[in-house]
Amino acid sequence: MPPKKRGTILFTGASASLRGRPNYAALNSAKGLRTLAQAMKEYAEDGIHVGHVIVDGAIAGDKIFNRFPDAASREESLISIEATVNAFAFLYG
């Protein structure tokens, strides 16, 4: 990316990556992506965009349906995987 002076790097996290919560210490510390994304802003001068996108909720995909079979009956309350992909494509563009 630096030689071409363009590119996009997107990280995905939940609101837990913005602030700590009781009983979620393992997740909060493991989700240092926000800090990493902020540190990578140094690449902006090379034309590389770095972002951290908050997706707060279960995404309607194979992973959630396989782990929680009853999720299909509540699909309208899940985040659309197609909408998520479209949003990332928009941010990439």
N, C-alpha and C. Protein backbone atom coordinates (compact mmCIF):
# COMPACT_ATOMS: atom_id res chain seq x y z
N MET A 1 0.80 -1.20 0.00
CA MET A 1 0.00 0.00 0.00
C MET A 1 0.85 1.27 0.00
N PRO A 2 1.88 1.35 0.84
CA PRO A 2 2.66 2.60 0.84
C PRO A 2 3.28 2.95 -0.52
N PRO A 3 3.81 1.97 -1.28
CA PRO A 3 4.38 2.35 -2.58
C PRO A 3 3.34 2.97 -3.53
N LYS A 4 2.10 2.47 -3.43
CA LYS A 4 1.04 3.00 -4.29
C LYS A 4 0.38 4.25 -3.71
N LYS A 5 0.71 4.56 -2.45
CA LYS A 5 0.15 5.73 -1.75
C LYS A 5 -1.38 5.68 -1.70
N ARG A 6 -1.92 4.47 -1.48
CA ARG A 6 -3.37 4.34 -1.34
C ARG A 6 -3.71 3.01 -0.71
N GLY A 7 -4.86 2.96 -0.08
CA GLY A 7 -5.33 1.74 0.54
C GLY A 7 -6.23 2.03 1.71
N THR A 8 -6.91 1.01 2.16
CA THR A 8 -7.82 1.14 3.30
C THR A 8 -7.68 -0.10 4.18
N ILE A 9 -7.57 0.13 5.47
CA ILE A 9 -7.53 -0.94 6.46
C ILE A 9 -8.67 -0.67 7.43
N LEU A 10 -9.58 -1.63 7.55
CA LEU A 10 -10.72 -1.47 8.44
C LEU A 10 -10.71 -2.56 9.50
N PHE A 11 -10.86 -2.16 10.74
CA PHE A 11 -10.99 -3.09 11.86
C PHE A 11 -12.43 -3.04 12.34
N THR A 12 -12.92 -4.15 12.85
CA THR A 12 -14.28 -4.22 13.37
C THR A 12 -14.24 -4.52 14.86
N GLY A 13 -15.05 -3.82 15.62
CA GLY A 13 -15.14 -4.06 17.04
C GLY A 13 -16.54 -3.73 17.53
N ALA A 14 -16.76 -4.01 18.78
CA ALA A 14 -18.04 -3.66 19.42
C ALA A 14 -17.78 -2.50 20.37
N SER A 15 -18.82 -2.02 21.00
CA SER A 15 -18.63 -0.89 21.91
C SER A 15 -17.72 -1.25 23.07
N ALA A 16 -17.54 -2.54 23.34
CA ALA A 16 -16.61 -2.97 24.40
C ALA A 16 -15.18 -2.54 24.08
N SER A 17 -14.89 -2.31 22.82
CA SER A 17 -13.54 -1.86 22.46
C SER A 17 -13.36 -0.37 22.70
N LEU A 18 -14.42 0.31 23.07
CA LEU A 18 -14.35 1.74 23.38
C LEU A 18 -14.22 2.01 24.88
N ARG A 19 -14.78 1.12 25.67
CA ARG A 19 -14.77 1.31 27.12
C ARG A 19 -14.86 -0.05 27.81
N GLY A 20 -14.27 -0.12 28.97
CA GLY A 20 -14.31 -1.36 29.74
C GLY A 20 -15.63 -1.51 30.48
N ARG A 21 -15.99 -2.74 30.73
CA ARG A 21 -17.20 -3.06 31.51
C ARG A 21 -16.86 -4.14 32.51
N PRO A 22 -17.51 -4.11 33.65
CA PRO A 22 -17.30 -5.19 34.62
C PRO A 22 -17.63 -6.54 33.99
N ASN A 23 -16.88 -7.57 34.37
CA ASN A 23 -17.06 -8.94 33.90
C ASN A 23 -16.66 -9.16 32.44
N TYR A 24 -16.07 -8.16 31.81
CA TYR A 24 -15.64 -8.29 30.42
C TYR A 24 -14.15 -7.93 30.25
N ALA A 25 -13.38 -8.07 31.32
CA ALA A 25 -11.97 -7.67 31.28
C ALA A 25 -11.20 -8.41 30.19
N ALA A 26 -11.44 -9.69 30.03
CA ALA A 26 -10.71 -10.45 29.02
C ALA A 26 -11.01 -9.93 27.62
N LEU A 27 -12.28 -9.66 27.34
CA LEU A 27 -12.65 -9.13 26.03
C LEU A 27 -12.12 -7.72 25.84
N ASN A 28 -12.28 -6.86 26.85
CA ASN A 28 -11.84 -5.48 26.73
C ASN A 28 -10.36 -5.38 26.43
N SER A 29 -9.54 -6.16 27.13
CA SER A 29 -8.11 -6.07 26.90
C SER A 29 -7.70 -6.71 25.59
N ALA A 30 -8.42 -7.73 25.16
CA ALA A 30 -8.07 -8.41 23.92
C ALA A 30 -8.47 -7.59 22.71
N LYS A 31 -9.42 -6.69 22.88
CA LYS A 31 -9.90 -5.90 21.75
C LYS A 31 -9.15 -4.57 21.66
N GLY A 32 -7.85 -4.65 21.62
CA GLY A 32 -7.04 -3.44 21.49
C GLY A 32 -7.01 -2.91 20.07
N LEU A 33 -7.96 -3.34 19.24
CA LEU A 33 -7.98 -2.91 17.85
C LEU A 33 -8.16 -1.41 17.70
N ARG A 34 -8.96 -0.83 18.58
CA ARG A 34 -9.19 0.62 18.50
C ARG A 34 -7.88 1.37 18.69
N THR A 35 -7.12 0.94 19.68
CA THR A 35 -5.83 1.57 19.94
C THR A 35 -4.89 1.35 18.76
N LEU A 36 -4.89 0.15 18.21
CA LEU A 36 -4.06 -0.15 17.05
C LEU A 36 -4.46 0.73 15.87
N ALA A 37 -5.76 0.84 15.62
CA ALA A 37 -6.24 1.68 14.51
C ALA A 37 -5.81 3.13 14.71
N GLN A 38 -5.91 3.63 15.93
CA GLN A 38 -5.50 5.00 16.20
C GLN A 38 -4.00 5.17 15.97
N ALA A 39 -3.22 4.19 16.38
CA ALA A 39 -1.77 4.26 16.18
C ALA A 39 -1.41 4.21 14.70
N MET A 40 -2.21 3.52 13.92
CA MET A 40 -1.91 3.38 12.49
C MET A 40 -2.28 4.62 11.68
N LYS A 41 -2.81 5.63 12.32
CA LYS A 41 -3.13 6.88 11.62
C LYS A 41 -1.88 7.49 11.01
N GLU A 42 -0.72 7.04 11.48
CA GLU A 42 0.54 7.52 10.91
C GLU A 42 0.64 7.21 9.42
N TYR A 43 -0.12 6.23 8.95
CA TYR A 43 -0.09 5.87 7.54
C TYR A 43 -0.92 6.82 6.68
N ALA A 44 -1.65 7.73 7.30
CA ALA A 44 -2.48 8.67 6.55
C ALA A 44 -1.64 9.50 5.59
N GLU A 45 -0.45 9.86 6.01
CA GLU A 45 0.40 10.66 5.12
C GLU A 45 0.83 9.87 3.89
N ASP A 46 0.71 8.55 3.94
CA ASP A 46 0.99 7.70 2.78
C ASP A 46 -0.26 7.41 1.97
N GLY A 47 -1.37 8.06 2.31
CA GLY A 47 -2.61 7.86 1.58
C GLY A 47 -3.39 6.63 1.99
N ILE A 48 -3.04 6.05 3.13
CA ILE A 48 -3.71 4.84 3.60
C ILE A 48 -4.71 5.24 4.69
N HIS A 49 -5.95 4.88 4.48
CA HIS A 49 -7.00 5.18 5.44
C HIS A 49 -7.15 4.02 6.41
N VAL A 50 -7.20 4.32 7.68
CA VAL A 50 -7.36 3.31 8.72
C VAL A 50 -8.60 3.66 9.52
N GLY A 51 -9.48 2.69 9.71
CA GLY A 51 -10.70 2.95 10.46
C GLY A 51 -11.03 1.80 11.39
N HIS A 52 -11.77 2.14 12.44
CA HIS A 52 -12.28 1.15 13.38
C HIS A 52 -13.78 1.30 13.40
N VAL A 53 -14.47 0.30 12.91
CA VAL A 53 -15.92 0.34 12.76
C VAL A 53 -16.59 -0.41 13.90
N ILE A 54 -17.53 0.25 14.55
CA ILE A 54 -18.27 -0.37 15.65
C ILE A 54 -19.51 -1.06 15.07
N VAL A 55 -19.60 -2.36 15.29
CA VAL A 55 -20.76 -3.15 14.89
C VAL A 55 -21.28 -3.78 16.18
N ASP A 56 -22.30 -3.18 16.75
CA ASP A 56 -22.81 -3.63 18.03
C ASP A 56 -24.05 -4.49 17.86
N GLY A 57 -23.83 -5.77 17.78
CA GLY A 57 -24.94 -6.70 17.66
C GLY A 57 -24.50 -7.95 16.92
N ALA A 58 -25.36 -8.91 16.91
CA ALA A 58 -25.08 -10.17 16.22
C ALA A 58 -25.36 -10.00 14.74
N ILE A 59 -24.41 -10.44 13.92
CA ILE A 59 -24.56 -10.35 12.47
C ILE A 59 -25.18 -11.65 11.96
N ALA A 60 -26.20 -11.52 11.15
CA ALA A 60 -26.95 -12.68 10.61
C ALA A 60 -26.10 -13.42 9.58
N GLY A 61 -25.28 -14.33 10.06
CA GLY A 61 -24.43 -15.12 9.17
C GLY A 61 -24.32 -16.54 9.68
N ASP A 62 -23.58 -17.35 8.95
CA ASP A 62 -23.44 -18.76 9.30
C ASP A 62 -22.94 -18.97 10.73
N LYS A 63 -22.00 -18.15 11.17
CA LYS A 63 -21.43 -18.33 12.50
C LYS A 63 -22.50 -18.23 13.59
N ILE A 64 -23.32 -17.21 13.51
CA ILE A 64 -24.35 -17.03 14.55
C ILE A 64 -25.43 -18.10 14.43
N PHE A 65 -25.80 -18.46 13.19
CA PHE A 65 -26.85 -19.47 13.01
C PHE A 65 -26.38 -20.86 13.44
N ASN A 66 -25.10 -21.17 13.23
CA ASN A 66 -24.57 -22.46 13.66
C ASN A 66 -24.43 -22.55 15.18
N ARG A 67 -24.02 -21.45 15.80
CA ARG A 67 -23.83 -21.46 17.26
C ARG A 67 -25.15 -21.32 18.01
N PHE A 68 -26.09 -20.61 17.42
CA PHE A 68 -27.38 -20.36 18.08
C PHE A 68 -28.51 -20.65 17.08
N PRO A 69 -28.87 -21.90 16.92
CA PRO A 69 -29.88 -22.29 15.92
C PRO A 69 -31.21 -21.52 16.04
N ASP A 70 -31.57 -21.10 17.23
CA ASP A 70 -32.83 -20.37 17.38
C ASP A 70 -32.74 -18.93 16.87
N ALA A 71 -31.54 -18.48 16.51
CA ALA A 71 -31.37 -17.11 16.03
C ALA A 71 -32.14 -16.87 14.73
N ALA A 72 -32.31 -17.91 13.93
CA ALA A 72 -33.02 -17.76 12.66
C ALA A 72 -34.45 -17.26 12.88
N SER A 73 -35.05 -17.64 14.00
CA SER A 73 -36.42 -17.20 14.28
C SER A 73 -36.46 -15.73 14.70
N ARG A 74 -35.29 -15.16 14.99
CA ARG A 74 -35.22 -13.74 15.38
C ARG A 74 -34.36 -12.95 14.40
N GLU A 75 -34.30 -13.41 13.16
CA GLU A 75 -33.39 -12.81 12.19
C GLU A 75 -33.64 -11.31 11.99
N GLU A 76 -34.88 -10.88 12.14
CA GLU A 76 -35.18 -9.45 11.96
C GLU A 76 -34.50 -8.57 13.02
N SER A 77 -34.08 -9.17 14.14
CA SER A 77 -33.39 -8.40 15.17
C SER A 77 -31.87 -8.46 15.03
N LEU A 78 -31.40 -9.21 14.04
CA LEU A 78 -29.97 -9.33 13.80
C LEU A 78 -29.52 -8.29 12.76
N ILE A 79 -28.22 -8.04 12.73
CA ILE A 79 -27.66 -7.11 11.76
C ILE A 79 -27.47 -7.86 10.44
N SER A 80 -27.96 -7.30 9.38
CA SER A 80 -27.86 -7.92 8.06
C SER A 80 -26.40 -8.01 7.62
N ILE A 81 -26.00 -9.22 7.25
CA ILE A 81 -24.62 -9.40 6.77
C ILE A 81 -24.41 -8.65 5.45
N GLU A 82 -25.42 -8.61 4.61
CA GLU A 82 -25.30 -7.89 3.34
C GLU A 82 -25.13 -6.39 3.58
N ALA A 83 -25.89 -5.85 4.52
CA ALA A 83 -25.78 -4.43 4.84
C ALA A 83 -24.40 -4.11 5.42
N THR A 84 -23.86 -5.03 6.21
CA THR A 84 -22.54 -4.84 6.79
C THR A 84 -21.48 -4.82 5.69
N VAL A 85 -21.58 -5.76 4.77
CA VAL A 85 -20.64 -5.81 3.64
C VAL A 85 -20.75 -4.54 2.80
N ASN A 86 -21.96 -4.11 2.54
CA ASN A 86 -22.16 -2.89 1.75
C ASN A 86 -21.57 -1.66 2.45
N ALA A 87 -21.74 -1.60 3.76
CA ALA A 87 -21.18 -0.47 4.51
C ALA A 87 -19.66 -0.47 4.45
N PHE A 88 -19.05 -1.65 4.57
CA PHE A 88 -17.59 -1.73 4.48
C PHE A 88 -17.11 -1.39 3.08
N ALA A 89 -17.85 -1.83 2.05
CA ALA A 89 -17.47 -1.50 0.68
C ALA A 89 -17.56 0.01 0.46
N PHE A 90 -18.56 0.65 1.05
CA PHE A 90 -18.69 2.10 0.95
C PHE A 90 -17.50 2.79 1.62
N LEU A 91 -17.13 2.32 2.80
CA LEU A 91 -16.00 2.92 3.51
C LEU A 91 -14.69 2.69 2.77
N TYR A 92 -14.57 1.54 2.11
CA TYR A 92 -13.36 1.22 1.37
C TYR A 92 -13.20 2.11 0.14
N GLY A 93 -14.37 2.38 -0.50
CA GLY A 93 -14.38 3.09 -1.78
C GLY A 93 -13.82 4.45 -1.72
